[in-house]
Amino acid sequence: MSRPAERRVVKSKTKVKKSKTYVTKSLTYRVTATIYEAVPGQTDSEPFITADNSRIKPHYGTKQRWMALSRDLLKPWGGEFEYGDTVRVTGINAQLDGVYTIHDTMNKRHRHCMDILAHTSENLDIFTKGVKIQKVTYQ
């Protein structure tokens, strides 16, 4: 009696590039949005090191999409957000709306505020109330 022929299944290893989609993970908060630059007058004595110990590169700008949040919104002080969280920002303008990563903390005098990191050469001056922020994740 002969054995039946074995079938070999060959799986191709073609990579399919999936586009990233953002999934909402929290409530929407309304905050005041401003711009800050990595200079000693607007930060501390080490302007190129953020609160989560990330290093700001010399040619940084708004395209880097880094932000700081006021302490009342961060987990160590009772808020919902953590360093490294991605946050969807809407309500500033078409150029600055988008997804940002939290890397820094604002001065303790600020409440319900966010700061977008910008380079001094960008000459941005933003003070917008009612900006919506919402924690998101990649899927």
Protein backbone atom coordinates (compact mmCIF):
# COMPACT_ATOMS: atom_id res chain seq x y z
CA MET A 1 0.00 0.00 0.00
CA SER A 2 1.49 3.34 -0.96
CA ARG A 3 1.26 6.54 1.02
CA PRO A 4 -0.70 9.44 -0.38
CA ALA A 5 1.40 12.28 -1.76
CA GLU A 6 2.02 15.08 0.67
CA ARG A 7 0.98 18.55 -0.28
CA ARG A 8 3.32 21.38 0.40
CA VAL A 9 1.79 24.75 1.01
CA VAL A 10 4.06 27.62 0.17
CA LYS A 11 3.19 30.92 1.80
CA SER A 12 4.46 34.02 0.13
CA LYS A 13 6.04 36.61 2.36
CA THR A 14 4.72 39.69 0.67
CA LYS A 15 4.50 42.62 3.01
CA VAL A 16 1.39 44.71 2.75
CA LYS A 17 1.91 48.24 3.93
CA LYS A 18 -1.01 49.30 6.07
CA SER A 19 -1.78 52.92 6.65
CA LYS A 20 -1.95 54.05 10.26
CA THR A 21 -5.33 54.87 11.64
CA TYR A 22 -5.99 56.60 14.92
CA VAL A 23 -8.45 55.22 17.42
CA THR A 24 -9.98 57.43 20.09
CA LYS A 25 -9.10 56.34 23.63
CA SER A 26 -10.54 59.04 25.90
CA LEU A 27 -12.78 62.00 26.49
CA THR A 28 -12.28 65.25 24.63
CA TYR A 29 -10.78 68.13 26.61
CA ARG A 30 -10.96 71.82 25.72
CA VAL A 31 -7.73 73.67 26.43
CA THR A 32 -5.88 76.86 25.60
CA ALA A 33 -3.13 76.30 23.03
CA THR A 34 0.10 78.29 22.89
CA ILE A 35 3.53 77.98 21.29
CA TYR A 36 6.84 77.59 23.10
CA GLU A 37 10.43 77.58 21.91
CA ALA A 38 13.40 75.73 23.39
CA VAL A 39 15.06 78.83 24.83
CA PRO A 40 15.98 79.48 28.49
CA GLY A 41 13.45 82.32 28.83
CA GLN A 42 10.57 79.98 28.04
CA THR A 43 11.87 76.79 29.64
CA ASP A 44 14.36 76.00 32.38
CA SER A 45 18.16 76.13 32.33
CA GLU A 46 18.28 73.04 30.05
CA PRO A 47 15.95 74.02 27.18
CA PHE A 48 16.85 71.05 24.94
CA ILE A 49 15.86 68.39 27.50
CA THR A 50 12.15 67.81 28.06
CA ALA A 51 10.39 66.63 31.23
CA ASP A 52 10.44 63.01 30.01
CA ASN A 53 14.21 63.32 29.28
CA SER A 54 13.79 63.43 25.50
CA ARG A 55 16.39 65.54 23.73
CA ILE A 56 15.27 68.23 21.32
CA LYS A 57 17.44 68.18 18.19
CA PRO A 58 19.01 71.45 16.97
CA HIS A 59 16.81 71.66 13.85
CA TYR A 60 13.49 71.02 15.60
CA GLY A 61 10.19 72.60 14.61
CA THR A 62 6.45 72.16 14.57
CA LYS A 63 6.77 69.31 12.05
CA GLN A 64 8.28 67.28 14.90
CA ARG A 65 4.83 67.40 16.58
CA TRP A 66 5.95 67.58 20.23
CA MET A 67 3.84 69.18 22.92
CA ALA A 68 3.76 70.06 26.61
CA LEU A 69 0.65 69.81 28.79
CA SER A 70 -0.29 71.60 31.98
CA ARG A 71 0.13 69.51 35.14
CA ASP A 72 -3.60 69.16 35.82
CA LEU A 73 -3.89 67.02 32.65
CA LEU A 74 -0.90 64.73 33.39
CA LYS A 75 -1.19 61.50 35.43
CA PRO A 76 1.40 62.33 38.12
CA TRP A 77 -0.87 65.23 39.13
CA GLY A 78 -4.23 63.45 38.73
CA GLY A 79 -4.86 63.87 34.98
CA GLU A 80 -5.45 61.32 32.24
CA PHE A 81 -2.41 61.85 29.99
CA GLU A 82 1.11 60.43 30.28
CA TYR A 83 4.43 61.28 28.65
CA GLY A 84 4.62 59.51 25.30
CA ASP A 85 0.84 59.54 24.70
CA THR A 86 -0.33 60.58 21.26
CA VAL A 87 -2.97 63.30 21.25
CA ARG A 88 -5.20 64.56 18.42
CA VAL A 89 -5.35 68.37 18.44
CA THR A 90 -8.10 70.26 16.59
CA GLY A 91 -9.15 73.88 16.58
CA ILE A 92 -5.89 75.82 16.18
CA ASN A 93 -5.49 76.12 12.40
CA ALA A 94 -4.99 73.87 9.36
CA GLN A 95 -1.19 74.00 9.68
CA LEU A 96 -0.99 73.02 13.37
CA ASP A 97 -3.97 70.68 13.84
CA GLY A 98 -2.93 67.03 13.94
CA VAL A 99 -1.48 64.32 16.14
CA TYR A 100 1.19 65.26 18.70
CA THR A 101 3.26 63.36 21.27
CA ILE A 102 3.46 64.58 24.88
CA HIS A 103 7.07 65.13 25.96
CA ASP A 104 6.99 68.06 28.36
CA THR A 105 5.22 69.75 31.26
CA MET A 106 4.17 73.38 31.47
CA ASN A 107 4.83 75.63 34.44
CA LYS A 108 2.60 74.85 37.43
CA ARG A 109 0.75 78.18 37.13
CA HIS A 110 -1.01 76.96 33.95
CA ARG A 111 -4.25 74.91 34.00
CA HIS A 112 -6.02 73.24 31.07
CA CYS A 113 -3.33 74.37 28.64
CA MET A 114 -1.08 72.89 25.99
CA ASP A 115 2.12 74.17 24.40
CA ILE A 116 3.33 73.23 20.92
CA LEU A 117 7.10 73.12 20.41
CA ALA A 118 8.19 75.47 17.61
CA HIS A 119 11.55 76.77 16.38
CA THR A 120 12.33 80.46 16.82
CA SER A 121 12.70 80.85 13.03
CA GLU A 122 9.04 79.82 12.52
CA ASN A 123 7.86 83.12 14.10
CA LEU A 124 4.62 81.63 15.43
CA ASP A 125 2.53 83.37 18.03
CA ILE A 126 -0.50 81.30 18.99
CA PHE A 127 -2.96 81.84 21.81
CA THR A 128 -6.14 79.91 20.99
CA LYS A 129 -8.85 79.04 23.51
CA GLY A 130 -11.24 76.12 23.10
CA VAL A 131 -8.80 73.80 21.31
CA LYS A 132 -9.87 70.15 21.51
CA ILE A 133 -7.41 67.44 22.57
CA GLN A 134 -8.10 63.73 22.73
CA LYS A 135 -5.85 60.76 23.47
CA VAL A 136 -5.53 58.39 20.50
CA THR A 137 -3.60 55.23 19.65
CA TYR A 138 -2.35 53.79 16.37
CA GLN A 139 -4.11 50.76 15.00
